[in-house]
């Protein structure tokens, strides 16, 4: 049986609107360029040695109808003027033989910056606890560090405000995993 450990990961986000919640979700997936795949949501481990690639490179490796494993954050509302956000944060250890973490966060009333930073902090916190550490620090660039054990933290976040009555808005953010 081939290995089911993803070797590449890329990040996408999207926003969609429609008169139905399902239609707005489909349009958000289209905006994120992942609507033509069969999506399987997985939990939040960033595999050891997995290479981050940009969205364009990742999309080139896919075929319509393919089963995609992903960590997905999504949020929807049809409440006029409601601010919604969906974010995926990640924390990758410096020692790439270890796994890292991906976190999903969905919120109302938070800007993309606030939601993204929260998702990123969740991932750093989960990684810290796995490493037996109960604290982390924020460096001069606003990134989370654990005694130099974390190589990288970041997030991808989609946010939008419901702009029209009788219309749903959906936001999605995802870490898409590519198997060899």
N, C-alpha and C. Protein backbone atom coordinates (compact mmCIF):
# COMPACT_ATOMS: atom_id res chain seq x y z
N UNK A 1 0.85 -1.18 0.00
CA UNK A 1 0.00 0.00 0.00
C UNK A 1 0.90 1.25 0.00
N UNK A 2 0.61 2.22 -0.87
CA UNK A 2 1.43 3.43 -0.91
C UNK A 2 1.27 4.25 0.37
N UNK A 3 2.27 5.04 0.65
CA UNK A 3 2.25 5.90 1.83
C UNK A 3 1.14 6.94 1.72
N UNK A 4 0.45 7.15 2.82
CA UNK A 4 -0.61 8.16 2.86
C UNK A 4 -0.12 9.44 3.53
N UNK A 5 1.20 9.59 3.67
CA UNK A 5 1.75 10.78 4.29
C UNK A 5 1.93 11.85 3.21
N UNK A 6 1.27 12.99 3.35
CA UNK A 6 1.42 14.06 2.36
C UNK A 6 2.86 14.54 2.26
N UNK A 7 3.29 14.81 1.04
CA UNK A 7 4.65 15.30 0.80
C UNK A 7 4.67 16.80 0.48
N UNK A 8 3.52 17.32 0.09
CA UNK A 8 3.43 18.74 -0.23
C UNK A 8 2.13 19.29 0.35
N UNK A 9 2.18 20.57 0.71
CA UNK A 9 1.01 21.26 1.24
C UNK A 9 0.97 22.65 0.64
N UNK A 10 -0.24 23.09 0.28
CA UNK A 10 -0.40 24.48 -0.13
C UNK A 10 -1.66 25.04 0.50
N UNK A 11 -1.76 26.35 0.51
CA UNK A 11 -2.84 27.03 1.22
C UNK A 11 -3.68 27.84 0.25
N UNK A 12 -5.00 27.82 0.49
CA UNK A 12 -5.94 28.57 -0.34
C UNK A 12 -6.98 29.24 0.54
N UNK A 13 -7.61 30.25 -0.02
CA UNK A 13 -8.74 30.90 0.65
C UNK A 13 -9.71 31.39 -0.40
N UNK A 14 -10.97 31.57 0.02
CA UNK A 14 -11.96 32.04 -0.93
C UNK A 14 -13.19 32.60 -0.24
N UNK A 15 -13.94 33.38 -1.00
CA UNK A 15 -15.18 33.99 -0.53
C UNK A 15 -16.24 33.75 -1.60
N UNK A 16 -17.45 33.38 -1.17
CA UNK A 16 -18.53 33.16 -2.13
C UNK A 16 -19.85 33.67 -1.60
N UNK A 17 -20.71 34.08 -2.52
CA UNK A 17 -22.06 34.52 -2.16
C UNK A 17 -23.07 33.80 -3.05
N UNK A 18 -24.29 33.66 -2.51
CA UNK A 18 -25.36 33.02 -3.27
C UNK A 18 -26.64 33.14 -2.44
N UNK A 19 -27.77 32.89 -3.07
CA UNK A 19 -29.04 32.94 -2.34
C UNK A 19 -29.20 31.78 -1.38
N UNK A 20 -28.40 30.70 -1.57
CA UNK A 20 -28.43 29.56 -0.65
C UNK A 20 -27.07 29.41 0.04
N UNK A 21 -27.09 28.80 1.21
CA UNK A 21 -25.84 28.58 1.93
C UNK A 21 -24.93 27.63 1.15
N UNK A 22 -25.50 26.55 0.61
CA UNK A 22 -24.72 25.60 -0.16
C UNK A 22 -24.10 26.27 -1.39
N UNK A 23 -24.89 27.08 -2.09
CA UNK A 23 -24.37 27.79 -3.26
C UNK A 23 -23.24 28.73 -2.90
N UNK A 24 -23.34 29.40 -1.76
CA UNK A 24 -22.25 30.31 -1.36
C UNK A 24 -21.00 29.52 -1.00
N UNK A 25 -21.17 28.33 -0.41
CA UNK A 25 -20.02 27.47 -0.10
C UNK A 25 -19.34 27.02 -1.39
N UNK A 26 -20.13 26.58 -2.36
CA UNK A 26 -19.58 26.18 -3.67
C UNK A 26 -18.82 27.34 -4.31
N UNK A 27 -19.38 28.54 -4.26
CA UNK A 27 -18.71 29.70 -4.85
C UNK A 27 -17.42 30.07 -4.10
N UNK A 28 -17.40 29.86 -2.79
CA UNK A 28 -16.17 30.10 -2.03
C UNK A 28 -15.10 29.08 -2.42
N UNK A 29 -15.51 27.82 -2.61
CA UNK A 29 -14.55 26.80 -3.07
C UNK A 29 -14.03 27.13 -4.47
N UNK A 30 -14.91 27.65 -5.32
CA UNK A 30 -14.46 28.06 -6.67
C UNK A 30 -13.46 29.20 -6.58
N UNK A 31 -13.74 30.17 -5.71
CA UNK A 31 -12.82 31.28 -5.52
C UNK A 31 -11.46 30.81 -5.02
N UNK A 32 -11.47 29.73 -4.23
CA UNK A 32 -10.23 29.16 -3.70
C UNK A 32 -9.59 28.17 -4.68
N UNK A 33 -10.23 27.92 -5.81
CA UNK A 33 -9.75 26.99 -6.85
C UNK A 33 -9.75 25.53 -6.42
N UNK A 34 -10.64 25.14 -5.50
CA UNK A 34 -10.68 23.74 -5.08
C UNK A 34 -12.08 23.12 -5.23
N UNK A 35 -12.96 23.73 -5.99
CA UNK A 35 -14.32 23.22 -6.14
C UNK A 35 -14.40 21.96 -6.99
N UNK A 36 -13.45 21.74 -7.88
CA UNK A 36 -13.55 20.60 -8.81
C UNK A 36 -12.90 19.32 -8.28
N UNK A 37 -12.64 19.30 -6.96
CA UNK A 37 -12.03 18.13 -6.34
C UNK A 37 -12.97 17.57 -5.28
N UNK A 38 -12.77 16.30 -4.92
CA UNK A 38 -13.52 15.66 -3.84
C UNK A 38 -12.76 15.89 -2.55
N UNK A 39 -13.34 16.68 -1.67
CA UNK A 39 -12.64 17.13 -0.48
C UNK A 39 -12.91 16.22 0.71
N UNK A 40 -11.85 15.83 1.37
CA UNK A 40 -11.93 15.02 2.58
C UNK A 40 -11.23 15.80 3.69
N UNK A 41 -12.01 16.18 4.69
CA UNK A 41 -11.43 16.94 5.81
C UNK A 41 -10.70 16.01 6.75
N UNK A 42 -9.51 16.43 7.15
CA UNK A 42 -8.68 15.68 8.09
C UNK A 42 -8.33 16.57 9.27
N UNK A 43 -7.79 15.94 10.30
CA UNK A 43 -7.40 16.72 11.48
C UNK A 43 -6.10 17.46 11.20
N UNK A 44 -5.45 17.92 12.19
CA UNK A 44 -4.55 19.05 12.02
C UNK A 44 -3.07 18.78 12.23
N UNK A 45 -2.54 17.76 11.60
CA UNK A 45 -1.10 17.49 11.70
C UNK A 45 -0.40 17.93 10.42
N UNK A 46 0.65 18.74 10.58
CA UNK A 46 1.51 19.12 9.46
C UNK A 46 2.60 18.05 9.40
N UNK A 47 2.59 17.19 8.36
CA UNK A 47 3.48 16.02 8.34
C UNK A 47 4.97 16.37 8.36
N UNK A 48 5.77 15.50 8.98
CA UNK A 48 7.22 15.70 8.93
C UNK A 48 7.68 15.77 7.48
N UNK A 49 8.64 16.60 7.21
CA UNK A 49 9.26 16.77 5.89
C UNK A 49 8.34 17.30 4.80
N UNK A 50 7.07 17.55 5.09
CA UNK A 50 6.18 18.05 4.04
C UNK A 50 6.67 19.42 3.55
N UNK A 51 6.68 19.57 2.25
CA UNK A 51 7.16 20.80 1.63
C UNK A 51 5.98 21.73 1.35
N UNK A 52 6.12 22.98 1.76
CA UNK A 52 5.10 23.97 1.40
C UNK A 52 5.39 24.46 -0.01
N UNK A 53 4.35 24.44 -0.84
CA UNK A 53 4.47 24.96 -2.19
C UNK A 53 3.42 26.05 -2.36
N UNK A 54 3.62 26.92 -3.33
CA UNK A 54 2.62 27.97 -3.51
C UNK A 54 1.38 27.40 -4.19
N UNK A 55 0.33 28.17 -4.13
CA UNK A 55 -0.98 27.74 -4.63
C UNK A 55 -0.91 27.29 -6.09
N UNK A 56 -0.25 28.07 -6.93
CA UNK A 56 -0.19 27.75 -8.36
C UNK A 56 0.52 26.43 -8.60
N UNK A 57 1.64 26.22 -7.91
CA UNK A 57 2.38 24.96 -8.07
C UNK A 57 1.54 23.78 -7.58
N UNK A 58 0.88 23.95 -6.44
CA UNK A 58 0.05 22.88 -5.90
C UNK A 58 -1.09 22.53 -6.83
N UNK A 59 -1.76 23.53 -7.38
CA UNK A 59 -2.89 23.29 -8.27
C UNK A 59 -2.47 22.55 -9.54
N UNK A 60 -1.25 22.79 -10.01
CA UNK A 60 -0.76 22.11 -11.21
C UNK A 60 -0.61 20.61 -11.00
N UNK A 61 -0.49 20.18 -9.76
CA UNK A 61 -0.28 18.77 -9.44
C UNK A 61 -1.60 17.99 -9.30
N UNK A 62 -2.72 18.67 -9.48
CA UNK A 62 -4.03 18.06 -9.23
C UNK A 62 -4.80 17.81 -10.52
N UNK A 63 -5.76 16.86 -10.43
CA UNK A 63 -6.63 16.54 -11.56
C UNK A 63 -8.08 16.66 -11.10
N UNK A 64 -8.97 17.20 -11.93
CA UNK A 64 -10.38 17.30 -11.55
C UNK A 64 -10.92 15.94 -11.09
N UNK A 65 -11.69 15.97 -10.02
CA UNK A 65 -12.27 14.75 -9.48
C UNK A 65 -11.38 14.05 -8.46
N UNK A 66 -10.14 14.47 -8.37
CA UNK A 66 -9.19 13.86 -7.44
C UNK A 66 -9.67 14.03 -5.99
N UNK A 67 -9.39 13.04 -5.15
CA UNK A 67 -9.68 13.15 -3.73
C UNK A 67 -8.57 13.97 -3.08
N UNK A 68 -8.96 15.05 -2.41
CA UNK A 68 -8.00 15.92 -1.74
C UNK A 68 -8.23 15.87 -0.23
N UNK A 69 -7.16 15.63 0.49
CA UNK A 69 -7.21 15.74 1.94
C UNK A 69 -6.85 17.17 2.30
N UNK A 70 -7.61 17.75 3.22
CA UNK A 70 -7.34 19.13 3.59
C UNK A 70 -7.83 19.43 5.00
N UNK A 71 -7.19 20.40 5.60
CA UNK A 71 -7.69 20.98 6.84
C UNK A 71 -8.47 22.21 6.39
N UNK A 72 -9.75 22.25 6.72
CA UNK A 72 -10.65 23.28 6.20
C UNK A 72 -11.30 24.07 7.33
N UNK A 73 -11.21 25.38 7.22
CA UNK A 73 -11.98 26.28 8.09
C UNK A 73 -13.01 26.96 7.21
N UNK A 74 -14.25 27.04 7.70
CA UNK A 74 -15.28 27.69 6.90
C UNK A 74 -16.29 28.35 7.83
N UNK A 75 -16.91 29.40 7.33
CA UNK A 75 -17.93 30.11 8.09
C UNK A 75 -18.91 30.70 7.10
N UNK A 76 -20.18 30.77 7.50
CA UNK A 76 -21.24 31.30 6.64
C UNK A 76 -22.20 32.13 7.47
N UNK A 77 -22.83 33.10 6.79
CA UNK A 77 -23.89 33.88 7.42
C UNK A 77 -24.75 34.51 6.34
N UNK A 78 -26.01 34.76 6.70
CA UNK A 78 -26.89 35.55 5.84
C UNK A 78 -27.41 36.76 6.60
N UNK A 79 -26.75 37.11 7.70
CA UNK A 79 -27.12 38.27 8.51
C UNK A 79 -26.46 39.52 7.92
N UNK A 80 -27.26 40.44 7.43
CA UNK A 80 -26.75 41.64 6.77
C UNK A 80 -25.71 42.34 7.65
N UNK A 81 -24.60 42.72 7.05
CA UNK A 81 -23.48 43.43 7.67
C UNK A 81 -22.69 42.59 8.67
N UNK A 82 -22.91 41.29 8.72
CA UNK A 82 -22.18 40.41 9.64
C UNK A 82 -20.78 40.16 9.09
N UNK A 83 -19.76 40.39 9.90
CA UNK A 83 -18.36 40.11 9.53
C UNK A 83 -18.05 38.68 9.92
N UNK A 84 -17.58 37.89 8.95
CA UNK A 84 -17.22 36.49 9.19
C UNK A 84 -15.78 36.24 8.77
N UNK A 85 -15.16 35.25 9.41
CA UNK A 85 -13.78 34.90 9.07
C UNK A 85 -13.59 33.39 9.20
N UNK A 86 -12.67 32.87 8.41
CA UNK A 86 -12.23 31.48 8.50
C UNK A 86 -10.72 31.50 8.31
N UNK A 87 -10.02 30.80 9.20
CA UNK A 87 -8.56 30.86 9.17
C UNK A 87 -7.95 29.50 9.47
N UNK A 88 -6.85 29.21 8.81
CA UNK A 88 -6.02 28.06 9.12
C UNK A 88 -4.65 28.60 9.51
N UNK A 89 -4.23 28.27 10.72
CA UNK A 89 -2.90 28.64 11.19
C UNK A 89 -2.00 27.43 11.15
N UNK A 90 -0.68 27.67 11.11
CA UNK A 90 0.23 26.53 11.17
C UNK A 90 1.48 26.88 11.95
N UNK A 91 2.06 25.84 12.54
CA UNK A 91 3.33 25.95 13.28
C UNK A 91 4.17 24.74 12.88
N UNK A 92 5.36 25.01 12.37
CA UNK A 92 6.25 23.97 11.88
C UNK A 92 7.51 23.97 12.75
N UNK A 93 7.92 22.80 13.26
CA UNK A 93 9.12 22.75 14.10
C UNK A 93 10.39 22.89 13.27
N UNK A 94 11.42 23.42 13.89
CA UNK A 94 12.73 23.53 13.24
C UNK A 94 13.24 22.14 12.86
N UNK A 95 13.03 21.17 13.75
CA UNK A 95 13.41 19.78 13.50
C UNK A 95 12.34 19.16 12.62
N UNK A 96 12.58 19.07 11.32
CA UNK A 96 11.57 18.62 10.36
C UNK A 96 11.29 17.12 10.42
N UNK A 97 12.02 16.37 11.28
CA UNK A 97 11.65 14.97 11.48
C UNK A 97 10.41 14.89 12.35
N UNK A 98 10.07 15.98 13.03
CA UNK A 98 8.87 16.05 13.87
C UNK A 98 7.71 16.62 13.06
N UNK A 99 6.52 16.33 13.51
CA UNK A 99 5.35 16.90 12.87
C UNK A 99 5.01 18.26 13.48
N UNK A 100 4.30 19.06 12.73
CA UNK A 100 3.82 20.35 13.20
C UNK A 100 2.31 20.31 13.33
N UNK A 101 1.73 21.49 13.45
CA UNK A 101 0.28 21.57 13.64
C UNK A 101 -0.36 22.56 12.69
N UNK A 102 -1.60 22.24 12.32
CA UNK A 102 -2.49 23.12 11.59
C UNK A 102 -3.71 23.33 12.48
N UNK A 103 -4.24 24.53 12.51
CA UNK A 103 -5.43 24.79 13.35
C UNK A 103 -6.47 25.50 12.51
N UNK A 104 -7.74 25.20 12.79
CA UNK A 104 -8.84 25.87 12.11
C UNK A 104 -9.53 26.81 13.10
N UNK A 105 -9.89 27.97 12.62
CA UNK A 105 -10.61 28.94 13.44
C UNK A 105 -11.67 29.59 12.57
N UNK A 106 -12.89 29.70 13.09
CA UNK A 106 -14.00 30.34 12.37
C UNK A 106 -14.63 31.30 13.37
N UNK A 107 -14.87 32.52 12.94
CA UNK A 107 -15.36 33.50 13.90
C UNK A 107 -16.30 34.51 13.26
N UNK A 108 -17.00 35.21 14.14
CA UNK A 108 -17.86 36.32 13.75
C UNK A 108 -17.32 37.59 14.40
N UNK A 109 -17.32 38.68 13.67
CA UNK A 109 -16.95 39.96 14.22
C UNK A 109 -15.46 40.20 14.37
N UNK A 110 -14.63 39.30 13.86
CA UNK A 110 -13.17 39.49 13.92
C UNK A 110 -12.63 39.86 12.55
N UNK A 111 -11.67 40.77 12.53
CA UNK A 111 -11.00 41.09 11.27
C UNK A 111 -10.15 39.89 10.85
N UNK A 112 -9.71 39.89 9.62
CA UNK A 112 -8.86 38.79 9.16
C UNK A 112 -7.55 38.75 9.94
N UNK A 113 -7.03 39.90 10.33
CA UNK A 113 -5.78 39.94 11.10
C UNK A 113 -5.96 39.29 12.47
N UNK A 114 -7.04 39.61 13.16
CA UNK A 114 -7.30 39.06 14.49
C UNK A 114 -7.56 37.56 14.39
N UNK A 115 -8.40 37.15 13.47
CA UNK A 115 -8.71 35.72 13.31
C UNK A 115 -7.46 34.94 12.91
N UNK A 116 -6.67 35.48 12.01
CA UNK A 116 -5.45 34.81 11.56
C UNK A 116 -4.44 34.65 12.68
N UNK A 117 -4.24 35.69 13.44
CA UNK A 117 -3.28 35.62 14.55
C UNK A 117 -3.75 34.60 15.59
N UNK A 118 -5.06 34.52 15.84
CA UNK A 118 -5.58 33.55 16.80
C UNK A 118 -5.33 32.12 16.30
N UNK A 119 -5.60 31.86 15.01
CA UNK A 119 -5.38 30.52 14.45
C UNK A 119 -3.90 30.15 14.52
N UNK A 120 -3.04 31.11 14.23
CA UNK A 120 -1.61 30.89 14.28
C UNK A 120 -1.16 30.56 15.70
N UNK A 121 -1.71 31.30 16.66
CA UNK A 121 -1.36 31.07 18.06
C UNK A 121 -1.85 29.69 18.52
N UNK A 122 -3.03 29.28 18.08
CA UNK A 122 -3.53 27.94 18.42
C UNK A 122 -2.56 26.86 17.94
N UNK A 123 -2.08 26.98 16.72
CA UNK A 123 -1.14 26.00 16.17
C UNK A 123 0.16 25.99 16.98
N UNK A 124 0.67 27.17 17.32
CA UNK A 124 1.90 27.26 18.12
C UNK A 124 1.69 26.65 19.50
N UNK A 125 0.53 26.90 20.08
CA UNK A 125 0.22 26.35 21.41
C UNK A 125 0.16 24.82 21.37
N UNK A 126 -0.46 24.26 20.34
CA UNK A 126 -0.54 22.80 20.22
C UNK A 126 0.84 22.20 20.02
N UNK A 127 1.67 22.85 19.19
CA UNK A 127 3.03 22.36 18.98
C UNK A 127 3.83 22.45 20.27
N UNK A 128 3.69 23.54 21.00
CA UNK A 128 4.41 23.70 22.27
C UNK A 128 4.06 22.58 23.24
N UNK A 129 2.77 22.26 23.36
CA UNK A 129 2.37 21.22 24.30
C UNK A 129 2.90 19.85 23.88
N UNK A 130 2.96 19.59 22.57
CA UNK A 130 3.52 18.34 22.07
C UNK A 130 4.99 18.21 22.42
N UNK A 131 5.69 19.34 22.43
CA UNK A 131 7.12 19.35 22.74
C UNK A 131 7.39 19.41 24.24
N UNK A 132 6.32 19.34 25.03
CA UNK A 132 6.49 19.36 26.47
C UNK A 132 6.75 20.75 27.03
N UNK A 133 6.46 21.77 26.25
CA UNK A 133 6.68 23.15 26.68
C UNK A 133 5.32 23.79 26.97
N UNK A 134 5.27 24.59 28.00
CA UNK A 134 3.98 25.20 28.34
C UNK A 134 3.93 26.69 28.00
N UNK A 135 4.97 27.18 27.33
CA UNK A 135 4.94 28.59 26.95
C UNK A 135 5.70 28.79 25.65
N UNK A 136 5.44 29.90 25.04
CA UNK A 136 6.12 30.31 23.82
C UNK A 136 6.26 31.82 23.89
N UNK A 137 7.02 32.37 22.98
CA UNK A 137 7.17 33.83 22.94
C UNK A 137 6.87 34.31 21.53
N UNK A 138 6.62 35.59 21.42
CA UNK A 138 6.40 36.20 20.12
C UNK A 138 7.66 36.98 19.77
N UNK A 139 8.21 36.72 18.58
CA UNK A 139 9.45 37.40 18.19
C UNK A 139 9.17 38.79 17.63
N UNK A 140 10.21 39.46 17.19
CA UNK A 140 10.09 40.84 16.70
C UNK A 140 9.24 40.96 15.44
N UNK A 141 9.03 39.85 14.75
CA UNK A 141 8.20 39.84 13.54
C UNK A 141 6.77 39.40 13.82
N UNK A 142 6.44 39.21 15.11
CA UNK A 142 5.10 38.78 15.46
C UNK A 142 4.86 37.29 15.30
N UNK A 143 5.92 36.52 15.10
CA UNK A 143 5.81 35.07 14.95
C UNK A 143 6.07 34.40 16.29
N UNK A 144 5.47 33.24 16.47
CA UNK A 144 5.57 32.51 17.73
C UNK A 144 6.82 31.64 17.74
N UNK A 145 7.52 31.60 18.86
CA UNK A 145 8.76 30.83 18.99
C UNK A 145 8.75 30.03 20.28
N UNK A 146 9.39 28.86 20.23
CA UNK A 146 9.57 28.01 21.41
C UNK A 146 11.06 27.73 21.56
N UNK A 147 11.76 28.55 22.28
CA UNK A 147 13.20 28.32 22.48
C UNK A 147 13.88 27.99 21.15
N UNK A 148 13.53 28.69 20.10
CA UNK A 148 14.03 28.46 18.75
C UNK A 148 13.65 27.10 18.18
N UNK A 149 12.68 26.42 18.79
CA UNK A 149 12.25 25.11 18.29
C UNK A 149 11.25 25.23 17.14
N UNK A 150 10.53 26.34 17.05
CA UNK A 150 9.59 26.53 15.94
C UNK A 150 10.31 27.23 14.80
N UNK A 151 10.23 26.64 13.63
CA UNK A 151 10.84 27.22 12.45
C UNK A 151 9.95 28.31 11.86
N UNK A 152 8.66 28.04 11.80
CA UNK A 152 7.77 28.95 11.10
C UNK A 152 6.36 28.86 11.65
N UNK A 153 5.71 30.01 11.80
CA UNK A 153 4.27 30.07 12.06
C UNK A 153 3.68 31.07 11.08
N UNK A 154 2.46 30.80 10.67
CA UNK A 154 1.76 31.73 9.79
C UNK A 154 0.29 31.31 9.73
N UNK A 155 -0.46 31.98 8.86
CA UNK A 155 -1.87 31.65 8.69
C UNK A 155 -2.33 32.09 7.32
N UNK A 156 -3.46 31.53 6.92
CA UNK A 156 -4.19 32.01 5.75
C UNK A 156 -5.62 32.24 6.21
N UNK A 157 -6.15 33.40 5.87
CA UNK A 157 -7.45 33.80 6.41
C UNK A 157 -8.29 34.45 5.33
N UNK A 158 -9.56 34.08 5.31
CA UNK A 158 -10.53 34.74 4.44
C UNK A 158 -11.57 35.39 5.35
N UNK A 159 -11.93 36.62 5.02
CA UNK A 159 -13.00 37.29 5.77
C UNK A 159 -13.84 38.11 4.81
N UNK A 160 -15.08 38.32 5.21
CA UNK A 160 -15.98 39.11 4.38
C UNK A 160 -17.15 39.57 5.24
N UNK A 161 -17.84 40.56 4.74
CA UNK A 161 -19.05 41.05 5.38
C UNK A 161 -20.23 40.71 4.48
N UNK A 162 -21.32 40.26 5.08
CA UNK A 162 -22.54 39.98 4.32
C UNK A 162 -23.06 41.32 3.79
N UNK A 163 -23.12 41.46 2.48
CA UNK A 163 -23.41 42.75 1.87
C UNK A 163 -24.85 42.92 1.39
N UNK A 164 -25.56 41.83 1.19
CA UNK A 164 -26.91 41.92 0.63
C UNK A 164 -27.91 41.11 1.46
N UNK A 165 -29.10 41.68 1.59
CA UNK A 165 -30.17 40.93 2.24
C UNK A 165 -30.52 39.72 1.39
N UNK A 166 -31.01 38.68 2.03
CA UNK A 166 -31.42 37.45 1.34
C UNK A 166 -30.30 36.82 0.53
N UNK A 167 -29.07 36.98 1.01
CA UNK A 167 -27.93 36.37 0.35
C UNK A 167 -26.98 35.82 1.40
N UNK A 168 -26.48 34.61 1.16
CA UNK A 168 -25.50 34.00 2.04
C UNK A 168 -24.10 34.38 1.58
N UNK A 169 -23.21 34.53 2.54
CA UNK A 169 -21.79 34.71 2.28
C UNK A 169 -21.05 33.60 3.03
N UNK A 170 -20.11 32.97 2.35
CA UNK A 170 -19.27 31.93 2.96
C UNK A 170 -17.82 32.26 2.72
N UNK A 171 -16.99 32.04 3.74
CA UNK A 171 -15.54 32.18 3.63
C UNK A 171 -14.90 30.83 3.94
N UNK A 172 -13.84 30.51 3.22
CA UNK A 172 -13.10 29.27 3.46
C UNK A 172 -11.61 29.58 3.46
N UNK A 173 -10.89 28.80 4.25
CA UNK A 173 -9.43 28.79 4.23
C UNK A 173 -9.03 27.33 4.38
N UNK A 174 -8.01 26.90 3.68
CA UNK A 174 -7.65 25.48 3.70
C UNK A 174 -6.16 25.24 3.51
N UNK A 175 -5.68 24.18 4.17
CA UNK A 175 -4.35 23.63 3.91
C UNK A 175 -4.60 22.36 3.11
N UNK A 176 -4.20 22.36 1.85
CA UNK A 176 -4.44 21.25 0.93
C UNK A 176 -3.20 20.35 0.92
N UNK A 177 -3.42 19.06 1.13
CA UNK A 177 -2.32 18.10 1.23
C UNK A 177 -2.25 17.26 -0.03
N UNK A 178 -1.05 17.11 -0.55
CA UNK A 178 -0.83 16.34 -1.76
C UNK A 178 -0.03 15.09 -1.41
N UNK A 179 -0.61 13.94 -1.75
CA UNK A 179 0.07 12.66 -1.57
C UNK A 179 0.92 12.35 -2.78
N UNK A 180 1.98 11.60 -2.60
CA UNK A 180 2.79 11.18 -3.75
C UNK A 180 2.11 10.09 -4.53
